[in-house]
Amino acid sequence: MDYITNIMAKHVDEHVDFVCMDGACAGAVKLLMTRCPWLSGVVCTTHSLDLLLEDIGKLEFVKNATSSVKRVVQYIRSHHATLALWRSISSCELKAPGDTRFGTHFIMLERVLRCRADLVRLGRSQEFADYIAALPADKRSEAK
């Protein structure tokens, strides 16, 4: 924390009255405010929330649910036929998670829950059954 505080102190003068740092720098924010009494500072709540969601995502039951849903969403979105079928059934676009922000996994899960009835309708549709039947045998298990 001393190192970060020393670096930040070089850039803080009377024209700077507020700093916002990520959660790893919480101690440095306090030290910097002690060194510069006019200064206010906070830990970035957005960053902290993202870190919390990442920790929640490491729980086994969340990891299993997230990876299963992600496979379904990615399969539908990455194949022209399944995406066209999906769009013929639902007006809702499925959200794919981003690689850099874990919170997007929860956005994906929320969207799938909202579209659950449409997903069931897709899975039960004759068009989807015909699509699976037309696939080579080695690709069928991936589609199911």
N, C-alpha and C. Protein backbone atom coordinates (compact mmCIF):
# COMPACT_ATOMS: atom_id res chain seq x y z
N MET A 1 0.81 -1.19 0.00
CA MET A 1 0.00 0.00 0.00
C MET A 1 0.87 1.26 0.00
N ASP A 2 2.01 1.18 0.68
CA ASP A 2 2.91 2.34 0.70
C ASP A 2 3.37 2.70 -0.70
N TYR A 3 3.71 1.70 -1.49
CA TYR A 3 4.19 1.95 -2.86
C TYR A 3 3.12 2.67 -3.67
N ILE A 4 1.89 2.15 -3.63
CA ILE A 4 0.80 2.76 -4.40
C ILE A 4 0.54 4.17 -3.89
N THR A 5 0.55 4.35 -2.59
CA THR A 5 0.33 5.68 -2.00
C THR A 5 1.40 6.66 -2.47
N ASN A 6 2.66 6.23 -2.48
CA ASN A 6 3.75 7.11 -2.92
C ASN A 6 3.59 7.49 -4.39
N ILE A 7 3.22 6.56 -5.22
CA ILE A 7 3.01 6.85 -6.65
C ILE A 7 1.87 7.85 -6.81
N MET A 8 0.75 7.59 -6.13
CA MET A 8 -0.41 8.47 -6.24
C MET A 8 -0.11 9.86 -5.68
N ALA A 9 0.62 9.94 -4.59
CA ALA A 9 0.92 11.22 -3.95
C ALA A 9 1.70 12.15 -4.89
N LYS A 10 2.45 11.59 -5.82
CA LYS A 10 3.19 12.40 -6.79
C LYS A 10 2.24 13.15 -7.73
N HIS A 11 1.02 12.64 -7.88
CA HIS A 11 0.08 13.20 -8.85
C HIS A 11 -1.08 13.96 -8.19
N VAL A 12 -1.09 13.97 -6.87
CA VAL A 12 -2.18 14.63 -6.15
C VAL A 12 -1.66 15.95 -5.58
N ASP A 13 -2.36 17.02 -5.94
CA ASP A 13 -2.06 18.32 -5.34
C ASP A 13 -3.38 18.95 -4.93
N GLU A 14 -3.38 20.24 -4.62
CA GLU A 14 -4.60 20.89 -4.13
C GLU A 14 -5.69 20.98 -5.19
N HIS A 15 -5.36 20.71 -6.45
CA HIS A 15 -6.36 20.73 -7.52
C HIS A 15 -7.11 19.39 -7.64
N VAL A 16 -6.61 18.39 -6.98
CA VAL A 16 -7.25 17.07 -6.98
C VAL A 16 -7.96 16.91 -5.64
N ASP A 17 -9.25 16.68 -5.70
CA ASP A 17 -9.97 16.54 -4.43
C ASP A 17 -10.65 15.18 -4.27
N PHE A 18 -10.50 14.29 -5.25
CA PHE A 18 -11.17 13.00 -5.16
C PHE A 18 -10.37 11.95 -5.95
N VAL A 19 -10.26 10.74 -5.38
CA VAL A 19 -9.65 9.62 -6.08
C VAL A 19 -10.58 8.41 -5.97
N CYS A 20 -10.53 7.59 -6.99
CA CYS A 20 -11.31 6.35 -7.01
C CYS A 20 -10.36 5.25 -7.47
N MET A 21 -10.22 4.21 -6.65
CA MET A 21 -9.28 3.12 -6.96
C MET A 21 -10.00 1.78 -6.86
N ASP A 22 -9.38 0.75 -7.41
CA ASP A 22 -10.02 -0.56 -7.31
C ASP A 22 -9.85 -1.12 -5.90
N GLY A 23 -10.56 -2.22 -5.64
CA GLY A 23 -10.61 -2.80 -4.30
C GLY A 23 -9.27 -3.18 -3.72
N ALA A 24 -8.31 -3.55 -4.56
CA ALA A 24 -7.00 -3.94 -4.07
C ALA A 24 -6.25 -2.75 -3.46
N CYS A 25 -6.72 -1.54 -3.78
CA CYS A 25 -6.04 -0.33 -3.31
C CYS A 25 -6.75 0.34 -2.13
N ALA A 26 -7.67 -0.37 -1.48
CA ALA A 26 -8.43 0.24 -0.39
C ALA A 26 -7.52 0.83 0.68
N GLY A 27 -6.47 0.12 1.03
CA GLY A 27 -5.52 0.62 2.03
C GLY A 27 -4.80 1.86 1.55
N ALA A 28 -4.48 1.91 0.26
CA ALA A 28 -3.79 3.06 -0.30
C ALA A 28 -4.69 4.30 -0.29
N VAL A 29 -5.99 4.11 -0.52
CA VAL A 29 -6.92 5.24 -0.48
C VAL A 29 -6.88 5.86 0.91
N LYS A 30 -6.93 5.03 1.95
CA LYS A 30 -6.90 5.54 3.33
C LYS A 30 -5.59 6.26 3.63
N LEU A 31 -4.47 5.65 3.23
CA LEU A 31 -3.17 6.27 3.47
C LEU A 31 -3.05 7.61 2.74
N LEU A 32 -3.53 7.66 1.53
CA LEU A 32 -3.45 8.87 0.72
C LEU A 32 -4.30 9.98 1.34
N MET A 33 -5.48 9.62 1.85
CA MET A 33 -6.35 10.60 2.50
C MET A 33 -5.72 11.11 3.80
N THR A 34 -4.93 10.28 4.48
CA THR A 34 -4.22 10.71 5.68
C THR A 34 -3.13 11.70 5.31
N ARG A 35 -2.43 11.40 4.22
CA ARG A 35 -1.34 12.25 3.76
C ARG A 35 -1.84 13.57 3.17
N CYS A 36 -3.01 13.55 2.55
CA CYS A 36 -3.60 14.73 1.91
C CYS A 36 -4.99 14.96 2.53
N PRO A 37 -5.08 15.69 3.62
CA PRO A 37 -6.33 15.81 4.39
C PRO A 37 -7.51 16.38 3.60
N TRP A 38 -7.29 17.15 2.54
CA TRP A 38 -8.37 17.72 1.74
C TRP A 38 -8.99 16.70 0.78
N LEU A 39 -8.33 15.57 0.66
CA LEU A 39 -8.70 14.58 -0.36
C LEU A 39 -9.79 13.64 0.14
N SER A 40 -10.70 13.30 -0.76
CA SER A 40 -11.69 12.26 -0.50
C SER A 40 -11.39 11.11 -1.46
N GLY A 41 -11.72 9.90 -1.04
CA GLY A 41 -11.45 8.77 -1.91
C GLY A 41 -12.38 7.61 -1.61
N VAL A 42 -12.58 6.81 -2.62
CA VAL A 42 -13.43 5.62 -2.48
C VAL A 42 -12.81 4.47 -3.27
N VAL A 43 -13.29 3.29 -2.92
CA VAL A 43 -12.97 2.10 -3.71
C VAL A 43 -14.08 1.99 -4.75
N CYS A 44 -13.75 1.71 -5.97
CA CYS A 44 -14.71 1.63 -7.07
C CYS A 44 -15.71 0.50 -6.80
N THR A 45 -16.96 0.86 -6.60
CA THR A 45 -17.98 -0.15 -6.29
C THR A 45 -18.26 -1.05 -7.49
N THR A 46 -18.16 -0.53 -8.68
CA THR A 46 -18.39 -1.35 -9.87
C THR A 46 -17.34 -2.45 -9.95
N HIS A 47 -16.10 -2.09 -9.73
CA HIS A 47 -15.02 -3.07 -9.75
C HIS A 47 -15.20 -4.08 -8.63
N SER A 48 -15.56 -3.59 -7.44
CA SER A 48 -15.78 -4.49 -6.31
C SER A 48 -16.93 -5.45 -6.58
N LEU A 49 -18.00 -4.95 -7.18
CA LEU A 49 -19.14 -5.80 -7.53
C LEU A 49 -18.73 -6.85 -8.55
N ASP A 50 -17.94 -6.47 -9.53
CA ASP A 50 -17.46 -7.44 -10.52
C ASP A 50 -16.63 -8.53 -9.84
N LEU A 51 -15.77 -8.15 -8.90
CA LEU A 51 -14.97 -9.13 -8.18
C LEU A 51 -15.86 -10.06 -7.35
N LEU A 52 -16.91 -9.49 -6.73
CA LEU A 52 -17.85 -10.31 -5.97
C LEU A 52 -18.55 -11.32 -6.88
N LEU A 53 -19.00 -10.87 -8.05
CA LEU A 53 -19.66 -11.77 -8.99
C LEU A 53 -18.70 -12.86 -9.47
N GLU A 54 -17.44 -12.52 -9.67
CA GLU A 54 -16.46 -13.54 -10.04
C GLU A 54 -16.33 -14.59 -8.94
N ASP A 55 -16.31 -14.14 -7.69
CA ASP A 55 -16.22 -15.09 -6.57
C ASP A 55 -17.45 -15.98 -6.50
N ILE A 56 -18.63 -15.39 -6.69
CA ILE A 56 -19.86 -16.18 -6.71
C ILE A 56 -19.81 -17.20 -7.85
N GLY A 57 -19.28 -16.77 -8.98
CA GLY A 57 -19.17 -17.65 -10.14
C GLY A 57 -18.25 -18.84 -9.94
N LYS A 58 -17.40 -18.78 -8.93
CA LYS A 58 -16.50 -19.91 -8.64
C LYS A 58 -17.17 -21.00 -7.82
N LEU A 59 -18.35 -20.70 -7.25
CA LEU A 59 -19.09 -21.72 -6.51
C LEU A 59 -19.50 -22.82 -7.49
N GLU A 60 -19.37 -24.06 -7.06
CA GLU A 60 -19.56 -25.19 -7.97
C GLU A 60 -20.92 -25.18 -8.65
N PHE A 61 -22.00 -24.93 -7.90
CA PHE A 61 -23.32 -24.98 -8.51
C PHE A 61 -23.54 -23.84 -9.52
N VAL A 62 -22.92 -22.69 -9.28
CA VAL A 62 -23.03 -21.58 -10.21
C VAL A 62 -22.19 -21.87 -11.45
N LYS A 63 -20.98 -22.39 -11.23
CA LYS A 63 -20.10 -22.73 -12.35
C LYS A 63 -20.76 -23.74 -13.28
N ASN A 64 -21.39 -24.77 -12.71
CA ASN A 64 -22.07 -25.79 -13.52
C ASN A 64 -23.22 -25.20 -14.31
N ALA A 65 -24.06 -24.41 -13.65
CA ALA A 65 -25.21 -23.80 -14.33
C ALA A 65 -24.75 -22.86 -15.43
N THR A 66 -23.77 -22.04 -15.11
CA THR A 66 -23.28 -21.06 -16.07
C THR A 66 -22.68 -21.73 -17.29
N SER A 67 -21.87 -22.76 -17.09
CA SER A 67 -21.24 -23.41 -18.25
C SER A 67 -22.26 -24.14 -19.11
N SER A 68 -23.28 -24.74 -18.48
CA SER A 68 -24.32 -25.43 -19.25
C SER A 68 -25.12 -24.44 -20.10
N VAL A 69 -25.54 -23.35 -19.48
CA VAL A 69 -26.32 -22.35 -20.20
C VAL A 69 -25.47 -21.70 -21.29
N LYS A 70 -24.22 -21.45 -20.99
CA LYS A 70 -23.32 -20.84 -21.97
C LYS A 70 -23.19 -21.72 -23.21
N ARG A 71 -23.09 -23.03 -23.02
CA ARG A 71 -23.00 -23.95 -24.18
C ARG A 71 -24.26 -23.87 -25.03
N VAL A 72 -25.42 -23.84 -24.39
CA VAL A 72 -26.68 -23.75 -25.14
C VAL A 72 -26.75 -22.45 -25.92
N VAL A 73 -26.49 -21.34 -25.25
CA VAL A 73 -26.56 -20.03 -25.89
C VAL A 73 -25.56 -19.94 -27.04
N GLN A 74 -24.34 -20.37 -26.81
CA GLN A 74 -23.33 -20.29 -27.87
C GLN A 74 -23.68 -21.19 -29.04
N TYR A 75 -24.27 -22.35 -28.76
CA TYR A 75 -24.65 -23.25 -29.85
C TYR A 75 -25.74 -22.60 -30.72
N ILE A 76 -26.76 -22.07 -30.08
CA ILE A 76 -27.85 -21.44 -30.84
C ILE A 76 -27.33 -20.26 -31.63
N ARG A 77 -26.51 -19.42 -31.00
CA ARG A 77 -26.03 -18.20 -31.66
C ARG A 77 -24.98 -18.46 -32.74
N SER A 78 -24.27 -19.58 -32.67
CA SER A 78 -23.15 -19.78 -33.61
C SER A 78 -23.50 -20.67 -34.80
N HIS A 79 -24.75 -21.09 -34.92
CA HIS A 79 -25.16 -21.89 -36.07
C HIS A 79 -26.33 -21.19 -36.77
N HIS A 80 -26.18 -20.98 -38.06
CA HIS A 80 -27.19 -20.23 -38.80
C HIS A 80 -28.58 -20.85 -38.66
N ALA A 81 -28.65 -22.15 -38.78
CA ALA A 81 -29.95 -22.82 -38.74
C ALA A 81 -30.62 -22.67 -37.37
N THR A 82 -29.87 -22.89 -36.31
CA THR A 82 -30.47 -22.78 -34.97
C THR A 82 -30.81 -21.32 -34.64
N LEU A 83 -29.99 -20.39 -35.10
CA LEU A 83 -30.28 -18.98 -34.85
C LEU A 83 -31.54 -18.55 -35.61
N ALA A 84 -31.67 -19.01 -36.85
CA ALA A 84 -32.89 -18.69 -37.62
C ALA A 84 -34.12 -19.30 -36.96
N LEU A 85 -33.99 -20.55 -36.50
CA LEU A 85 -35.10 -21.18 -35.79
C LEU A 85 -35.46 -20.40 -34.54
N TRP A 86 -34.43 -20.04 -33.77
CA TRP A 86 -34.65 -19.28 -32.54
C TRP A 86 -35.39 -17.98 -32.85
N ARG A 87 -34.95 -17.27 -33.86
CA ARG A 87 -35.56 -15.98 -34.19
C ARG A 87 -36.99 -16.14 -34.73
N SER A 88 -37.29 -17.31 -35.28
CA SER A 88 -38.67 -17.54 -35.73
C SER A 88 -39.60 -17.83 -34.54
N ILE A 89 -39.03 -18.26 -33.44
CA ILE A 89 -39.82 -18.61 -32.25
C ILE A 89 -39.88 -17.46 -31.25
N SER A 90 -38.79 -16.72 -31.12
CA SER A 90 -38.68 -15.72 -30.06
C SER A 90 -38.29 -14.35 -30.60
N SER A 91 -38.82 -13.33 -29.98
CA SER A 91 -38.41 -11.96 -30.31
C SER A 91 -37.26 -11.51 -29.40
N CYS A 92 -36.86 -12.37 -28.51
CA CYS A 92 -35.82 -12.09 -27.52
C CYS A 92 -34.46 -12.58 -28.05
N GLU A 93 -33.46 -11.73 -28.02
CA GLU A 93 -32.11 -12.16 -28.41
C GLU A 93 -31.39 -12.75 -27.20
N LEU A 94 -30.74 -13.87 -27.41
CA LEU A 94 -29.94 -14.47 -26.34
C LEU A 94 -28.65 -13.70 -26.20
N LYS A 95 -28.23 -13.49 -24.99
CA LYS A 95 -27.00 -12.74 -24.71
C LYS A 95 -25.86 -13.71 -24.43
N ALA A 96 -24.76 -13.51 -25.11
CA ALA A 96 -23.56 -14.32 -24.86
C ALA A 96 -22.70 -13.57 -23.84
N PRO A 97 -22.07 -14.31 -22.94
CA PRO A 97 -21.23 -13.64 -21.94
C PRO A 97 -19.94 -13.10 -22.55
N GLY A 98 -19.45 -12.00 -22.00
CA GLY A 98 -18.17 -11.46 -22.43
C GLY A 98 -17.03 -12.17 -21.73
N ASP A 99 -15.89 -12.16 -22.34
CA ASP A 99 -14.73 -12.84 -21.77
C ASP A 99 -14.10 -12.06 -20.61
N THR A 100 -14.24 -10.75 -20.62
CA THR A 100 -13.49 -9.95 -19.64
C THR A 100 -14.30 -9.53 -18.42
N ARG A 101 -15.60 -9.66 -18.45
CA ARG A 101 -16.42 -9.25 -17.32
C ARG A 101 -17.34 -10.38 -16.91
N PHE A 102 -17.15 -10.88 -15.68
CA PHE A 102 -17.95 -12.01 -15.24
C PHE A 102 -19.42 -11.64 -15.10
N GLY A 103 -19.74 -10.41 -14.80
CA GLY A 103 -21.13 -9.99 -14.64
C GLY A 103 -21.98 -10.31 -15.86
N THR A 104 -21.35 -10.37 -17.03
CA THR A 104 -22.11 -10.68 -18.24
C THR A 104 -22.65 -12.10 -18.22
N HIS A 105 -22.06 -12.99 -17.43
CA HIS A 105 -22.61 -14.34 -17.29
C HIS A 105 -23.97 -14.28 -16.60
N PHE A 106 -24.11 -13.39 -15.62
CA PHE A 106 -25.38 -13.26 -14.93
C PHE A 106 -26.42 -12.60 -15.83
N ILE A 107 -25.99 -11.71 -16.70
CA ILE A 107 -26.90 -11.11 -17.68
C ILE A 107 -27.39 -12.20 -18.63
N MET A 108 -26.48 -13.08 -19.06
CA MET A 108 -26.86 -14.20 -19.92
C MET A 108 -27.88 -15.09 -19.21
N LEU A 109 -27.63 -15.43 -17.93
CA LEU A 109 -28.54 -16.29 -17.17
C LEU A 109 -29.91 -15.64 -17.02
N GLU A 110 -29.93 -14.35 -16.74
CA GLU A 110 -31.21 -13.64 -16.59
C GLU A 110 -31.99 -13.68 -17.89
N ARG A 111 -31.33 -13.48 -19.01
CA ARG A 111 -32.00 -13.50 -20.31
C ARG A 111 -32.55 -14.89 -20.61
N VAL A 112 -31.79 -15.92 -20.31
CA VAL A 112 -32.26 -17.29 -20.55
C VAL A 112 -33.49 -17.59 -19.68
N LEU A 113 -33.48 -17.13 -18.44
CA LEU A 113 -34.65 -17.33 -17.58
C LEU A 113 -35.87 -16.61 -18.15
N ARG A 114 -35.65 -15.42 -18.67
CA ARG A 114 -36.75 -14.65 -19.24
C ARG A 114 -37.29 -15.33 -20.51
N CYS A 115 -36.43 -16.01 -21.24
CA CYS A 115 -36.81 -16.65 -22.50
C CYS A 115 -37.04 -18.15 -22.35
N ARG A 116 -37.16 -18.61 -21.14
CA ARG A 116 -37.26 -20.05 -20.87
C ARG A 116 -38.36 -20.73 -21.69
N ALA A 117 -39.54 -20.14 -21.74
CA ALA A 117 -40.66 -20.75 -22.48
C ALA A 117 -40.31 -20.88 -23.96
N ASP A 118 -39.63 -19.89 -24.52
CA ASP A 118 -39.23 -19.95 -25.93
C ASP A 118 -38.18 -21.03 -26.15
N LEU A 119 -37.27 -21.20 -25.19
CA LEU A 119 -36.27 -22.26 -25.31
C LEU A 119 -36.92 -23.64 -25.28
N VAL A 120 -37.90 -23.80 -24.42
CA VAL A 120 -38.63 -25.08 -24.35
C VAL A 120 -39.35 -25.31 -25.68
N ARG A 121 -40.00 -24.26 -26.19
CA ARG A 121 -40.70 -24.36 -27.48
C ARG A 121 -39.73 -24.74 -28.60
N LEU A 122 -38.53 -24.16 -28.59
CA LEU A 122 -37.51 -24.51 -29.59
C LEU A 122 -37.14 -25.98 -29.47
N GLY A 123 -36.86 -26.42 -28.26
CA GLY A 123 -36.44 -27.80 -28.04
C GLY A 123 -37.50 -28.83 -28.41
N ARG A 124 -38.76 -28.43 -28.33
CA ARG A 124 -39.86 -29.35 -28.65
C ARG A 124 -40.35 -29.22 -30.09
N SER A 125 -39.81 -28.26 -30.82
CA SER A 125 -40.32 -28.02 -32.17
C SER A 125 -39.89 -29.12 -33.14
N GLN A 126 -40.76 -29.36 -34.11
CA GLN A 126 -40.46 -30.35 -35.15
C GLN A 126 -39.28 -29.88 -36.00
N GLU A 127 -39.18 -28.58 -36.22
CA GLU A 127 -38.08 -28.02 -37.02
C GLU A 127 -36.73 -28.33 -36.36
N PHE A 128 -36.67 -28.21 -35.04
CA PHE A 128 -35.43 -28.50 -34.34
C PHE A 128 -35.12 -29.99 -34.39
N ALA A 129 -36.15 -30.82 -34.24
CA ALA A 129 -35.96 -32.28 -34.34
C ALA A 129 -35.45 -32.64 -35.73
N ASP A 130 -36.01 -32.01 -36.76
CA ASP A 130 -35.56 -32.26 -38.14
C ASP A 130 -34.12 -31.80 -38.33
N TYR A 131 -33.77 -30.65 -37.73
CA TYR A 131 -32.40 -30.14 -37.81
C TYR A 131 -31.42 -31.14 -37.20
N ILE A 132 -31.75 -31.64 -36.02
CA ILE A 132 -30.87 -32.60 -35.34
C ILE A 132 -30.75 -33.89 -36.15
N ALA A 133 -31.87 -34.35 -36.69
CA ALA A 133 -31.86 -35.59 -37.48
C ALA A 133 -31.00 -35.46 -38.73
N ALA A 134 -30.91 -34.26 -39.27
CA ALA A 134 -30.13 -34.04 -40.50
C ALA A 134 -28.63 -33.90 -40.23
N LEU A 135 -28.26 -33.76 -38.97
CA LEU A 135 -26.84 -33.60 -38.63
C LEU A 135 -26.10 -34.93 -38.76
N PRO A 136 -24.80 -34.87 -39.07
CA PRO A 136 -24.01 -36.11 -39.01
C PRO A 136 -24.05 -36.68 -37.59
N ALA A 137 -23.96 -37.97 -37.48
CA ALA A 137 -24.10 -38.67 -36.19
C ALA A 137 -23.17 -38.10 -35.13
N ASP A 138 -21.93 -37.75 -35.49
CA ASP A 138 -20.97 -37.26 -34.50
C ASP A 138 -21.30 -35.84 -33.99
N LYS A 139 -22.20 -35.13 -34.66
CA LYS A 139 -22.57 -33.77 -34.27
C LYS A 139 -23.89 -33.72 -33.50
N ARG A 140 -24.63 -34.83 -33.47
CA ARG A 140 -25.97 -34.83 -32.85
C ARG A 140 -25.90 -34.62 -31.34
N SER A 141 -24.96 -35.25 -30.67
CA SER A 141 -24.91 -35.12 -29.21
C SER A 141 -24.60 -33.67 -28.80
N GLU A 142 -23.82 -32.97 -29.60
CA GLU A 142 -23.50 -31.57 -29.31
C GLU A 142 -24.76 -30.70 -29.39
N ALA A 143 -25.66 -31.02 -30.33
CA ALA A 143 -26.87 -30.23 -30.54
C ALA A 143 -27.93 -30.52 -29.49
N LYS A 144 -27.89 -31.71 -28.89
CA LYS A 144 -28.90 -32.06 -27.88
C LYS A 144 -28.50 -31.43 -26.60
